Each structure stands twice: as structure tokens, then as C-alpha cells.
Amino acid sequence: QFFSDFNVGWFRQSPGVEEREFVAAIDWSGHGTDYADSVQGRFTIFRN
């Protein structure tokens, strides 16, 4: 229940790297987004 109440992010863990890193996020409404500099302009996050 209530998936639409959650903010959701994408993260990645590269081979041989211990830490995950932030990639992109979208708020519960779908109107607010944020991106890592490394993917800005190439990746797009959206929700249904």
C-alpha cells in the first residue's frame, strides 16, 4: 500500500566498488527530481 506516498531513488554499485552511489531521485508527486552530475542530461527519472 501507499507506494505513491514514497520518494524513490535509483542508486548504483560499480564493479569492485564497495559503496553504492546516488544516481537519481523523484519525489512522491513526480514533480521534483534530482540527478547526480555524472548522469545529468543523459538519464531521466519518471514515475507512473
ModelCIF file with pLDDT and N, C-alpha, C, O atoms, coordinates in Angstrom:
data_MODEL
#
_entry.id   MODEL 
#
_entity.id                         1 
_entity.type                       polymer 
_entity.pdbx_number_of_molecules   1 
#
_entity_poly.entity_id                      1 
_entity_poly.type                           'polypeptide(L)' 
_entity_poly.nstd_linkage                   no 
_entity_poly.nstd_monomer                   no 
_entity_poly.pdbx_seq_one_letter_code       QFFSDFNVGWFRQSPGVEEREFVAAIDWSGHGTDYADSVQGRFTIFRN 
_entity_poly.pdbx_seq_one_letter_code_can   QFFSDFNVGWFRQSPGVEEREFVAAIDWSGHGTDYADSVQGRFTIFRN 
_entity_poly.pdbx_strand_id                 A 
#
loop_
_entity_poly_seq.entity_id 
_entity_poly_seq.num 
_entity_poly_seq.mon_id 
_entity_poly_seq.hetero 
1 1  GLN n 
1 2  PHE n 
1 3  PHE n 
1 4  SER n 
1 5  ASP n 
1 6  PHE n 
1 7  ASN n 
1 8  VAL n 
1 9  GLY n 
1 10 TRP n 
1 11 PHE n 
1 12 ARG n 
1 13 GLN n 
1 14 SER n 
1 15 PRO n 
1 16 GLY n 
1 17 VAL n 
1 18 GLU n 
1 19 GLU n 
1 20 ARG n 
1 21 GLU n 
1 22 PHE n 
1 23 VAL n 
1 24 ALA n 
1 25 ALA n 
1 26 ILE n 
1 27 ASP n 
1 28 TRP n 
1 29 SER n 
1 30 GLY n 
1 31 HIS n 
1 32 GLY n 
1 33 THR n 
1 34 ASP n 
1 35 TYR n 
1 36 ALA n 
1 37 ASP n 
1 38 SER n 
1 39 VAL n 
1 40 GLN n 
1 41 GLY n 
1 42 ARG n 
1 43 PHE n 
1 44 THR n 
1 45 ILE n 
1 46 PHE n 
1 47 ARG n 
1 48 ASN n 
#
_struct_asym.id          A 
_struct_asym.entity_id   1 
#
loop_
_ma_qa_metric.id 
_ma_qa_metric.mode 
_ma_qa_metric.name 
_ma_qa_metric.software_group_id 
_ma_qa_metric.type 
1 global pLDDT . pLDDT 
2 local  pLDDT . pLDDT 
#
_ma_qa_metric_global.metric_id      1 
_ma_qa_metric_global.metric_value   95.48 
_ma_qa_metric_global.model_id       1 
_ma_qa_metric_global.ordinal_id     1 
#
loop_
_ma_qa_metric_local.label_asym_id 
_ma_qa_metric_local.label_comp_id 
_ma_qa_metric_local.label_seq_id 
_ma_qa_metric_local.metric_id 
_ma_qa_metric_local.metric_value 
_ma_qa_metric_local.model_id 
_ma_qa_metric_local.ordinal_id 
A GLN 1  2 73.00 1 1  
A PHE 2  2 84.00 1 2  
A PHE 3  2 89.00 1 3  
A SER 4  2 90.00 1 4  
A ASP 5  2 92.00 1 5  
A PHE 6  2 95.00 1 6  
A ASN 7  2 97.00 1 7  
A VAL 8  2 98.00 1 8  
A GLY 9  2 98.00 1 9  
A TRP 10 2 98.00 1 10 
A PHE 11 2 98.00 1 11 
A ARG 12 2 98.00 1 12 
A GLN 13 2 97.00 1 13 
A SER 14 2 96.00 1 14 
A PRO 15 2 94.00 1 15 
A GLY 16 2 94.00 1 16 
A VAL 17 2 94.00 1 17 
A GLU 18 2 92.00 1 18 
A GLU 19 2 94.00 1 19 
A ARG 20 2 95.00 1 20 
A GLU 21 2 96.00 1 21 
A PHE 22 2 97.00 1 22 
A VAL 23 2 98.00 1 23 
A ALA 24 2 98.00 1 24 
A ALA 25 2 98.00 1 25 
A ILE 26 2 98.00 1 26 
A ASP 27 2 97.00 1 27 
A TRP 28 2 95.00 1 28 
A SER 29 2 94.00 1 29 
A GLY 30 2 94.00 1 30 
A HIS 31 2 94.00 1 31 
A GLY 32 2 97.00 1 32 
A THR 33 2 98.00 1 33 
A ASP 34 2 98.00 1 34 
A TYR 35 2 98.00 1 35 
A ALA 36 2 97.00 1 36 
A ASP 37 2 97.00 1 37 
A SER 38 2 97.00 1 38 
A VAL 39 2 98.00 1 39 
A GLN 40 2 98.00 1 40 
A GLY 41 2 98.00 1 41 
A ARG 42 2 98.00 1 42 
A PHE 43 2 98.00 1 43 
A THR 44 2 98.00 1 44 
A ILE 45 2 98.00 1 45 
A PHE 46 2 98.00 1 46 
A ARG 47 2 97.00 1 47 
A ASN 48 2 95.00 1 48 
#
loop_
_atom_site.group_PDB 
_atom_site.id 
_atom_site.type_symbol 
_atom_site.label_atom_id 
_atom_site.label_alt_id 
_atom_site.label_comp_id 
_atom_site.label_asym_id 
_atom_site.label_entity_id 
_atom_site.label_seq_id 
_atom_site.pdbx_PDB_ins_code 
_atom_site.Cartn_x 
_atom_site.Cartn_y 
_atom_site.Cartn_z 
_atom_site.occupancy 
_atom_site.B_iso_or_equiv 
_atom_site.pdbx_formal_charge 
_atom_site.auth_seq_id 
_atom_site.auth_comp_id 
_atom_site.auth_asym_id 
_atom_site.auth_atom_id 
_atom_site.pdbx_PDB_model_num 
ATOM 1   N N  . GLN A 1 1  ? 0.812  -1.213 0.000   1.00 73.00 ? 1  GLN A N  1 
ATOM 2   C CA . GLN A 1 1  ? 0.000  0.000  0.000   1.00 73.00 ? 1  GLN A CA 1 
ATOM 3   C C  . GLN A 1 1  ? 0.850  1.269  0.000   1.00 73.00 ? 1  GLN A C  1 
ATOM 4   O O  . GLN A 1 1  ? 1.994  1.278  0.455   1.00 73.00 ? 1  GLN A O  1 
ATOM 5   N N  . PHE A 1 2  ? 0.268  2.315  -0.513  1.00 84.00 ? 2  PHE A N  1 
ATOM 6   C CA . PHE A 1 2  ? 0.807  3.659  -0.380  1.00 84.00 ? 2  PHE A CA 1 
ATOM 7   C C  . PHE A 1 2  ? 2.128  3.877  -1.110  1.00 84.00 ? 2  PHE A C  1 
ATOM 8   O O  . PHE A 1 2  ? 2.916  4.723  -0.688  1.00 84.00 ? 2  PHE A O  1 
ATOM 9   N N  . PHE A 1 3  ? 2.400  3.141  -2.195  1.00 89.00 ? 3  PHE A N  1 
ATOM 10  C CA . PHE A 1 3  ? 3.614  3.369  -2.971  1.00 89.00 ? 3  PHE A CA 1 
ATOM 11  C C  . PHE A 1 3  ? 3.689  4.812  -3.426  1.00 89.00 ? 3  PHE A C  1 
ATOM 12  O O  . PHE A 1 3  ? 4.775  5.391  -3.471  1.00 89.00 ? 3  PHE A O  1 
ATOM 13  N N  . SER A 1 4  ? 2.557  5.399  -3.762  1.00 90.00 ? 4  SER A N  1 
ATOM 14  C CA . SER A 1 4  ? 2.541  6.772  -4.261  1.00 90.00 ? 4  SER A CA 1 
ATOM 15  C C  . SER A 1 4  ? 2.903  7.790  -3.193  1.00 90.00 ? 4  SER A C  1 
ATOM 16  O O  . SER A 1 4  ? 3.089  8.965  -3.508  1.00 90.00 ? 4  SER A O  1 
ATOM 17  N N  . ASP A 1 5  ? 3.007  7.371  -1.948  1.00 92.00 ? 5  ASP A N  1 
ATOM 18  C CA . ASP A 1 5  ? 3.415  8.267  -0.876  1.00 92.00 ? 5  ASP A CA 1 
ATOM 19  C C  . ASP A 1 5  ? 4.937  8.334  -0.723  1.00 92.00 ? 5  ASP A C  1 
ATOM 20  O O  . ASP A 1 5  ? 5.450  9.164  0.029   1.00 92.00 ? 5  ASP A O  1 
ATOM 21  N N  . PHE A 1 6  ? 5.651  7.472  -1.427  1.00 95.00 ? 6  PHE A N  1 
ATOM 22  C CA . PHE A 1 6  ? 7.095  7.345  -1.237  1.00 95.00 ? 6  PHE A CA 1 
ATOM 23  C C  . PHE A 1 6  ? 7.895  8.097  -2.283  1.00 95.00 ? 6  PHE A C  1 
ATOM 24  O O  . PHE A 1 6  ? 7.552  8.101  -3.466  1.00 95.00 ? 6  PHE A O  1 
ATOM 25  N N  . ASN A 1 7  ? 8.967  8.734  -1.830  1.00 97.00 ? 7  ASN A N  1 
ATOM 26  C CA . ASN A 1 7  ? 10.003 9.208  -2.731  1.00 97.00 ? 7  ASN A CA 1 
ATOM 27  C C  . ASN A 1 7  ? 10.845 7.996  -3.149  1.00 97.00 ? 7  ASN A C  1 
ATOM 28  O O  . ASN A 1 7  ? 11.063 7.087  -2.347  1.00 97.00 ? 7  ASN A O  1 
ATOM 29  N N  . VAL A 1 8  ? 11.310 7.982  -4.382  1.00 98.00 ? 8  VAL A N  1 
ATOM 30  C CA . VAL A 1 8  ? 12.058 6.833  -4.891  1.00 98.00 ? 8  VAL A CA 1 
ATOM 31  C C  . VAL A 1 8  ? 13.347 7.291  -5.546  1.00 98.00 ? 8  VAL A C  1 
ATOM 32  O O  . VAL A 1 8  ? 13.380 8.284  -6.273  1.00 98.00 ? 8  VAL A O  1 
ATOM 33  N N  . GLY A 1 9  ? 14.397 6.553  -5.275  1.00 98.00 ? 9  GLY A N  1 
ATOM 34  C CA . GLY A 1 9  ? 15.690 6.872  -5.873  1.00 98.00 ? 9  GLY A CA 1 
ATOM 35  C C  . GLY A 1 9  ? 16.286 5.678  -6.585  1.00 98.00 ? 9  GLY A C  1 
ATOM 36  O O  . GLY A 1 9  ? 15.957 4.528  -6.299  1.00 98.00 ? 9  GLY A O  1 
ATOM 37  N N  . TRP A 1 10 ? 17.178 5.981  -7.527  1.00 98.00 ? 10 TRP A N  1 
ATOM 38  C CA . TRP A 1 10 ? 17.999 4.968  -8.178  1.00 98.00 ? 10 TRP A CA 1 
ATOM 39  C C  . TRP A 1 10 ? 19.441 5.164  -7.707  1.00 98.00 ? 10 TRP A C  1 
ATOM 40  O O  . TRP A 1 10 ? 19.928 6.288  -7.583  1.00 98.00 ? 10 TRP A O  1 
ATOM 41  N N  . PHE A 1 11 ? 20.088 4.066  -7.456  1.00 98.00 ? 11 PHE A N  1 
ATOM 42  C CA . PHE A 1 11 ? 21.456 4.046  -6.965  1.00 98.00 ? 11 PHE A CA 1 
ATOM 43  C C  . PHE A 1 11 ? 22.206 2.962  -7.731  1.00 98.00 ? 11 PHE A C  1 
ATOM 44  O O  . PHE A 1 11 ? 21.588 2.071  -8.314  1.00 98.00 ? 11 PHE A O  1 
ATOM 45  N N  . ARG A 1 12 ? 23.540 3.034  -7.731  1.00 98.00 ? 12 ARG A N  1 
ATOM 46  C CA . ARG A 1 12 ? 24.291 2.003  -8.436  1.00 98.00 ? 12 ARG A CA 1 
ATOM 47  C C  . ARG A 1 12 ? 25.561 1.651  -7.675  1.00 98.00 ? 12 ARG A C  1 
ATOM 48  O O  . ARG A 1 12 ? 26.111 2.449  -6.915  1.00 98.00 ? 12 ARG A O  1 
ATOM 49  N N  . GLN A 1 13 ? 25.996 0.431  -7.912  1.00 97.00 ? 13 GLN A N  1 
ATOM 50  C CA . GLN A 1 13 ? 27.238 -0.052 -7.319  1.00 97.00 ? 13 GLN A CA 1 
ATOM 51  C C  . GLN A 1 13 ? 28.077 -0.626 -8.437  1.00 97.00 ? 13 GLN A C  1 
ATOM 52  O O  . GLN A 1 13 ? 27.724 -1.634 -9.048  1.00 97.00 ? 13 GLN A O  1 
ATOM 53  N N  . SER A 1 14 ? 29.193 0.032  -8.694  1.00 96.00 ? 14 SER A N  1 
ATOM 54  C CA . SER A 1 14 ? 30.068 -0.359 -9.793  1.00 96.00 ? 14 SER A CA 1 
ATOM 55  C C  . SER A 1 14 ? 30.918 -1.544 -9.397  1.00 96.00 ? 14 SER A C  1 
ATOM 56  O O  . SER A 1 14 ? 31.130 -1.773 -8.206  1.00 96.00 ? 14 SER A O  1 
ATOM 57  N N  . PRO A 1 15 ? 31.417 -2.316 -10.372 1.00 94.00 ? 15 PRO A N  1 
ATOM 58  C CA . PRO A 1 15 ? 32.262 -3.480 -10.063 1.00 94.00 ? 15 PRO A CA 1 
ATOM 59  C C  . PRO A 1 15 ? 33.480 -3.082 -9.257  1.00 94.00 ? 15 PRO A C  1 
ATOM 60  O O  . PRO A 1 15 ? 34.174 -2.125 -9.600  1.00 94.00 ? 15 PRO A O  1 
ATOM 61  N N  . GLY A 1 16 ? 33.740 -3.809 -8.191  1.00 94.00 ? 16 GLY A N  1 
ATOM 62  C CA . GLY A 1 16 ? 34.918 -3.563 -7.386  1.00 94.00 ? 16 GLY A CA 1 
ATOM 63  C C  . GLY A 1 16 ? 34.814 -2.377 -6.440  1.00 94.00 ? 16 GLY A C  1 
ATOM 64  O O  . GLY A 1 16 ? 35.770 -2.054 -5.735  1.00 94.00 ? 16 GLY A O  1 
ATOM 65  N N  . VAL A 1 17 ? 33.660 -1.733 -6.426  1.00 94.00 ? 17 VAL A N  1 
ATOM 66  C CA . VAL A 1 17 ? 33.466 -0.579 -5.547  1.00 94.00 ? 17 VAL A CA 1 
ATOM 67  C C  . VAL A 1 17 ? 32.551 -0.991 -4.397  1.00 94.00 ? 17 VAL A C  1 
ATOM 68  O O  . VAL A 1 17 ? 31.497 -1.589 -4.612  1.00 94.00 ? 17 VAL A O  1 
ATOM 69  N N  . GLU A 1 18 ? 32.958 -0.670 -3.202  1.00 92.00 ? 18 GLU A N  1 
ATOM 70  C CA . GLU A 1 18 ? 32.206 -1.134 -2.032  1.00 92.00 ? 18 GLU A CA 1 
ATOM 71  C C  . GLU A 1 18 ? 30.930 -0.329 -1.813  1.00 92.00 ? 18 GLU A C  1 
ATOM 72  O O  . GLU A 1 18 ? 29.897 -0.864 -1.410  1.00 92.00 ? 18 GLU A O  1 
ATOM 73  N N  . GLU A 1 19 ? 31.029 0.980  -2.090  1.00 94.00 ? 19 GLU A N  1 
ATOM 74  C CA . GLU A 1 19 ? 29.890 1.863  -1.794  1.00 94.00 ? 19 GLU A CA 1 
ATOM 75  C C  . GLU A 1 19 ? 28.960 2.003  -2.990  1.00 94.00 ? 19 GLU A C  1 
ATOM 76  O O  . GLU A 1 19 ? 29.411 2.065  -4.133  1.00 94.00 ? 19 GLU A O  1 
ATOM 77  N N  . ARG A 1 20 ? 27.675 2.053  -2.724  1.00 95.00 ? 20 ARG A N  1 
ATOM 78  C CA . ARG A 1 20 ? 26.716 2.463  -3.738  1.00 95.00 ? 20 ARG A CA 1 
ATOM 79  C C  . ARG A 1 20 ? 26.804 3.981  -3.886  1.00 95.00 ? 20 ARG A C  1 
ATOM 80  O O  . ARG A 1 20 ? 27.281 4.681  -2.993  1.00 95.00 ? 20 ARG A O  1 
ATOM 81  N N  . GLU A 1 21 ? 26.332 4.475  -5.035  1.00 96.00 ? 21 GLU A N  1 
ATOM 82  C CA . GLU A 1 21 ? 26.279 5.917  -5.239  1.00 96.00 ? 21 GLU A CA 1 
ATOM 83  C C  . GLU A 1 21 ? 24.897 6.325  -5.721  1.00 96.00 ? 21 GLU A C  1 
ATOM 84  O O  . GLU A 1 21 ? 24.198 5.562  -6.388  1.00 96.00 ? 21 GLU A O  1 
ATOM 85  N N  . PHE A 1 22 ? 24.528 7.533  -5.372  1.00 97.00 ? 22 PHE A N  1 
ATOM 86  C CA . PHE A 1 22 ? 23.252 8.084  -5.792  1.00 97.00 ? 22 PHE A CA 1 
ATOM 87  C C  . PHE A 1 22 ? 23.281 8.365  -7.289  1.00 97.00 ? 22 PHE A C  1 
ATOM 88  O O  . PHE A 1 22 ? 24.282 8.845  -7.820  1.00 97.00 ? 22 PHE A O  1 
ATOM 89  N N  . VAL A 1 23 ? 22.166 8.059  -7.970  1.00 98.00 ? 23 VAL A N  1 
ATOM 90  C CA . VAL A 1 23 ? 22.054 8.318  -9.404  1.00 98.00 ? 23 VAL A CA 1 
ATOM 91  C C  . VAL A 1 23 ? 20.967 9.354  -9.686  1.00 98.00 ? 23 VAL A C  1 
ATOM 92  O O  . VAL A 1 23 ? 21.226 10.375 -10.323 1.00 98.00 ? 23 VAL A O  1 
ATOM 93  N N  . ALA A 1 24 ? 19.753 9.087  -9.209  1.00 98.00 ? 24 ALA A N  1 
ATOM 94  C CA . ALA A 1 24 ? 18.627 9.985  -9.499  1.00 98.00 ? 24 ALA A CA 1 
ATOM 95  C C  . ALA A 1 24 ? 17.516 9.715  -8.492  1.00 98.00 ? 24 ALA A C  1 
ATOM 96  O O  . ALA A 1 24 ? 17.454 8.640  -7.896  1.00 98.00 ? 24 ALA A O  1 
ATOM 97  N N  . ALA A 1 25 ? 16.646 10.694 -8.309  1.00 98.00 ? 25 ALA A N  1 
ATOM 98  C CA . ALA A 1 25 ? 15.530 10.538 -7.381  1.00 98.00 ? 25 ALA A CA 1 
ATOM 99  C C  . ALA A 1 25 ? 14.324 11.318 -7.869  1.00 98.00 ? 25 ALA A C  1 
ATOM 100 O O  . ALA A 1 25 ? 14.443 12.295 -8.608  1.00 98.00 ? 25 ALA A O  1 
ATOM 101 N N  . ILE A 1 26 ? 13.167 10.862 -7.438  1.00 98.00 ? 26 ILE A N  1 
ATOM 102 C CA . ILE A 1 26 ? 11.920 11.545 -7.777  1.00 98.00 ? 26 ILE A CA 1 
ATOM 103 C C  . ILE A 1 26 ? 11.038 11.559 -6.534  1.00 98.00 ? 26 ILE A C  1 
ATOM 104 O O  . ILE A 1 26 ? 10.965 10.578 -5.794  1.00 98.00 ? 26 ILE A O  1 
ATOM 105 N N  . ASP A 1 27 ? 10.368 12.694 -6.318  1.00 97.00 ? 27 ASP A N  1 
ATOM 106 C CA . ASP A 1 27 ? 9.551  12.766 -5.119  1.00 97.00 ? 27 ASP A CA 1 
ATOM 107 C C  . ASP A 1 27 ? 8.221  12.055 -5.338  1.00 97.00 ? 27 ASP A C  1 
ATOM 108 O O  . ASP A 1 27 ? 7.939  11.578 -6.437  1.00 97.00 ? 27 ASP A O  1 
ATOM 109 N N  . TRP A 1 28 ? 7.414  11.986 -4.299  1.00 95.00 ? 28 TRP A N  1 
ATOM 110 C CA . TRP A 1 28 ? 6.186  11.194 -4.324  1.00 95.00 ? 28 TRP A CA 1 
ATOM 111 C C  . TRP A 1 28 ? 5.219  11.692 -5.395  1.00 95.00 ? 28 TRP A C  1 
ATOM 112 O O  . TRP A 1 28 ? 4.463  10.909 -5.969  1.00 95.00 ? 28 TRP A O  1 
ATOM 113 N N  . SER A 1 29 ? 5.247  13.015 -5.664  1.00 94.00 ? 29 SER A N  1 
ATOM 114 C CA . SER A 1 29 ? 4.291  13.579 -6.617  1.00 94.00 ? 29 SER A CA 1 
ATOM 115 C C  . SER A 1 29 ? 4.739  13.425 -8.065  1.00 94.00 ? 29 SER A C  1 
ATOM 116 O O  . SER A 1 29 ? 3.930  13.510 -8.989  1.00 94.00 ? 29 SER A O  1 
ATOM 117 N N  . GLY A 1 30 ? 6.029  13.200 -8.252  1.00 94.00 ? 30 GLY A N  1 
ATOM 118 C CA . GLY A 1 30 ? 6.576  13.146 -9.599  1.00 94.00 ? 30 GLY A CA 1 
ATOM 119 C C  . GLY A 1 30 ? 7.042  14.485 -10.132 1.00 94.00 ? 30 GLY A C  1 
ATOM 120 O O  . GLY A 1 30 ? 7.576  14.561 -11.238 1.00 94.00 ? 30 GLY A O  1 
ATOM 121 N N  . HIS A 1 31 ? 6.847  15.541 -9.359  1.00 94.00 ? 31 HIS A N  1 
ATOM 122 C CA . HIS A 1 31 ? 7.205  16.874 -9.828  1.00 94.00 ? 31 HIS A CA 1 
ATOM 123 C C  . HIS A 1 31 ? 8.615  17.292 -9.440  1.00 94.00 ? 31 HIS A C  1 
ATOM 124 O O  . HIS A 1 31 ? 9.183  18.189 -10.063 1.00 94.00 ? 31 HIS A O  1 
ATOM 125 N N  . GLY A 1 32 ? 9.180  16.670 -8.442  1.00 97.00 ? 32 GLY A N  1 
ATOM 126 C CA . GLY A 1 32 ? 10.521 17.005 -8.001  1.00 97.00 ? 32 GLY A CA 1 
ATOM 127 C C  . GLY A 1 32 ? 11.493 15.906 -8.339  1.00 97.00 ? 32 GLY A C  1 
ATOM 128 O O  . GLY A 1 32 ? 11.240 14.734 -8.060  1.00 97.00 ? 32 GLY A O  1 
ATOM 129 N N  . THR A 1 33 ? 12.628 16.288 -8.952  1.00 98.00 ? 33 THR A N  1 
ATOM 130 C CA . THR A 1 33 ? 13.644 15.307 -9.307  1.00 98.00 ? 33 THR A CA 1 
ATOM 131 C C  . THR A 1 33 ? 15.031 15.827 -8.943  1.00 98.00 ? 33 THR A C  1 
ATOM 132 O O  . THR A 1 33 ? 15.226 17.024 -8.734  1.00 98.00 ? 33 THR A O  1 
ATOM 133 N N  . ASP A 1 34 ? 15.978 14.914 -8.874  1.00 98.00 ? 34 ASP A N  1 
ATOM 134 C CA . ASP A 1 34 ? 17.358 15.276 -8.609  1.00 98.00 ? 34 ASP A CA 1 
ATOM 135 C C  . ASP A 1 34 ? 18.239 14.250 -9.311  1.00 98.00 ? 34 ASP A C  1 
ATOM 136 O O  . ASP A 1 34 ? 17.870 13.082 -9.431  1.00 98.00 ? 34 ASP A O  1 
ATOM 137 N N  . TYR A 1 35 ? 19.411 14.694 -9.778  1.00 98.00 ? 35 TYR A N  1 
ATOM 138 C CA . TYR A 1 35 ? 20.318 13.823 -10.520 1.00 98.00 ? 35 TYR A CA 1 
ATOM 139 C C  . TYR A 1 35 ? 21.754 14.013 -10.062 1.00 98.00 ? 35 TYR A C  1 
ATOM 140 O O  . TYR A 1 35 ? 22.152 15.107 -9.660  1.00 98.00 ? 35 TYR A O  1 
ATOM 141 N N  . ALA A 1 36 ? 22.520 12.944 -10.126 1.00 97.00 ? 36 ALA A N  1 
ATOM 142 C CA . ALA A 1 36 ? 23.954 13.064 -9.954  1.00 97.00 ? 36 ALA A CA 1 
ATOM 143 C C  . ALA A 1 36 ? 24.532 13.796 -11.162 1.00 97.00 ? 36 ALA A C  1 
ATOM 144 O O  . ALA A 1 36 ? 24.014 13.682 -12.273 1.00 97.00 ? 36 ALA A O  1 
ATOM 145 N N  . ASP A 1 37 ? 25.610 14.548 -10.937 1.00 97.00 ? 37 ASP A N  1 
ATOM 146 C CA . ASP A 1 37 ? 26.237 15.295 -12.034 1.00 97.00 ? 37 ASP A CA 1 
ATOM 147 C C  . ASP A 1 37 ? 26.645 14.375 -13.186 1.00 97.00 ? 37 ASP A C  1 
ATOM 148 O O  . ASP A 1 37 ? 26.578 14.760 -14.353 1.00 97.00 ? 37 ASP A O  1 
ATOM 149 N N  . SER A 1 38 ? 27.063 13.170 -12.846 1.00 97.00 ? 38 SER A N  1 
ATOM 150 C CA . SER A 1 38 ? 27.587 12.246 -13.854 1.00 97.00 ? 38 SER A CA 1 
ATOM 151 C C  . SER A 1 38 ? 26.520 11.755 -14.832 1.00 97.00 ? 38 SER A C  1 
ATOM 152 O O  . SER A 1 38 ? 26.860 11.259 -15.906 1.00 97.00 ? 38 SER A O  1 
ATOM 153 N N  . VAL A 1 39 ? 25.244 11.881 -14.485 1.00 98.00 ? 39 VAL A N  1 
ATOM 154 C CA . VAL A 1 39 ? 24.181 11.382 -15.361 1.00 98.00 ? 39 VAL A CA 1 
ATOM 155 C C  . VAL A 1 39 ? 23.262 12.500 -15.842 1.00 98.00 ? 39 VAL A C  1 
ATOM 156 O O  . VAL A 1 39 ? 22.398 12.269 -16.689 1.00 98.00 ? 39 VAL A O  1 
ATOM 157 N N  . GLN A 1 40 ? 23.439 13.705 -15.310 1.00 98.00 ? 40 GLN A N  1 
ATOM 158 C CA . GLN A 1 40 ? 22.589 14.837 -15.697 1.00 98.00 ? 40 GLN A CA 1 
ATOM 159 C C  . GLN A 1 40 ? 22.605 15.014 -17.214 1.00 98.00 ? 40 GLN A C  1 
ATOM 160 O O  . GLN A 1 40 ? 23.670 15.064 -17.830 1.00 98.00 ? 40 GLN A O  1 
ATOM 161 N N  . GLY A 1 41 ? 21.426 15.107 -17.803 1.00 98.00 ? 41 GLY A N  1 
ATOM 162 C CA . GLY A 1 41 ? 21.324 15.301 -19.244 1.00 98.00 ? 41 GLY A CA 1 
ATOM 163 C C  . GLY A 1 41 ? 21.300 14.012 -20.038 1.00 98.00 ? 41 GLY A C  1 
ATOM 164 O O  . GLY A 1 41 ? 20.971 14.028 -21.224 1.00 98.00 ? 41 GLY A O  1 
ATOM 165 N N  . ARG A 1 42 ? 21.642 12.895 -19.412 1.00 98.00 ? 42 ARG A N  1 
ATOM 166 C CA . ARG A 1 42 ? 21.622 11.596 -20.098 1.00 98.00 ? 42 ARG A CA 1 
ATOM 167 C C  . ARG A 1 42 ? 20.534 10.678 -19.549 1.00 98.00 ? 42 ARG A C  1 
ATOM 168 O O  . ARG A 1 42 ? 19.941 9.899  -20.295 1.00 98.00 ? 42 ARG A O  1 
ATOM 169 N N  . PHE A 1 43 ? 20.275 10.768 -18.254 1.00 98.00 ? 43 PHE A N  1 
ATOM 170 C CA . PHE A 1 43 ? 19.287 9.915  -17.595 1.00 98.00 ? 43 PHE A CA 1 
ATOM 171 C C  . PHE A 1 43 ? 18.062 10.759 -17.223 1.00 98.00 ? 43 PHE A C  1 
ATOM 172 O O  . PHE A 1 43 ? 18.173 11.945 -16.914 1.00 98.00 ? 43 PHE A O  1 
ATOM 173 N N  . THR A 1 44 ? 16.890 10.111 -17.262 1.00 98.00 ? 44 THR A N  1 
ATOM 174 C CA . THR A 1 44 ? 15.649 10.761 -16.853 1.00 98.00 ? 44 THR A CA 1 
ATOM 175 C C  . THR A 1 44 ? 14.869 9.815  -15.952 1.00 98.00 ? 44 THR A C  1 
ATOM 176 O O  . THR A 1 44 ? 14.655 8.650  -16.290 1.00 98.00 ? 44 THR A O  1 
ATOM 177 N N  . ILE A 1 45 ? 14.447 10.326 -14.805 1.00 98.00 ? 45 ILE A N  1 
ATOM 178 C CA . ILE A 1 45 ? 13.630 9.539  -13.887 1.00 98.00 ? 45 ILE A CA 1 
ATOM 179 C C  . ILE A 1 45 ? 12.193 10.042 -13.970 1.00 98.00 ? 45 ILE A C  1 
ATOM 180 O O  . ILE A 1 45 ? 11.946 11.247 -14.008 1.00 98.00 ? 45 ILE A O  1 
ATOM 181 N N  . PHE A 1 46 ? 11.249 9.102  -13.998 1.00 98.00 ? 46 PHE A N  1 
ATOM 182 C CA . PHE A 1 46 ? 9.848  9.480  -14.001 1.00 98.00 ? 46 PHE A CA 1 
ATOM 183 C C  . PHE A 1 46 ? 9.046  8.342  -13.383 1.00 98.00 ? 46 PHE A C  1 
ATOM 184 O O  . PHE A 1 46 ? 9.554  7.233  -13.213 1.00 98.00 ? 46 PHE A O  1 
ATOM 185 N N  . ARG A 1 47 ? 7.795  8.622  -13.049 1.00 97.00 ? 47 ARG A N  1 
ATOM 186 C CA . ARG A 1 47 ? 7.003  7.613  -12.354 1.00 97.00 ? 47 ARG A CA 1 
ATOM 187 C C  . ARG A 1 47 ? 5.576  7.608  -12.870 1.00 97.00 ? 47 ARG A C  1 
ATOM 188 O O  . ARG A 1 47 ? 5.064  8.601  -13.387 1.00 97.00 ? 47 ARG A O  1 
ATOM 189 N N  . ASN A 1 48 ? 4.957  6.447  -12.708 1.00 95.00 ? 48 ASN A N  1 
ATOM 190 C CA . ASN A 1 48 ? 3.541  6.268  -13.001 1.00 95.00 ? 48 ASN A CA 1 
ATOM 191 C C  . ASN A 1 48 ? 2.926  5.666  -11.741 1.00 95.00 ? 48 ASN A C  1 
ATOM 192 O O  . ASN A 1 48 ? 1.723  5.406  -11.705 1.00 95.00 ? 48 ASN A O  1 
#
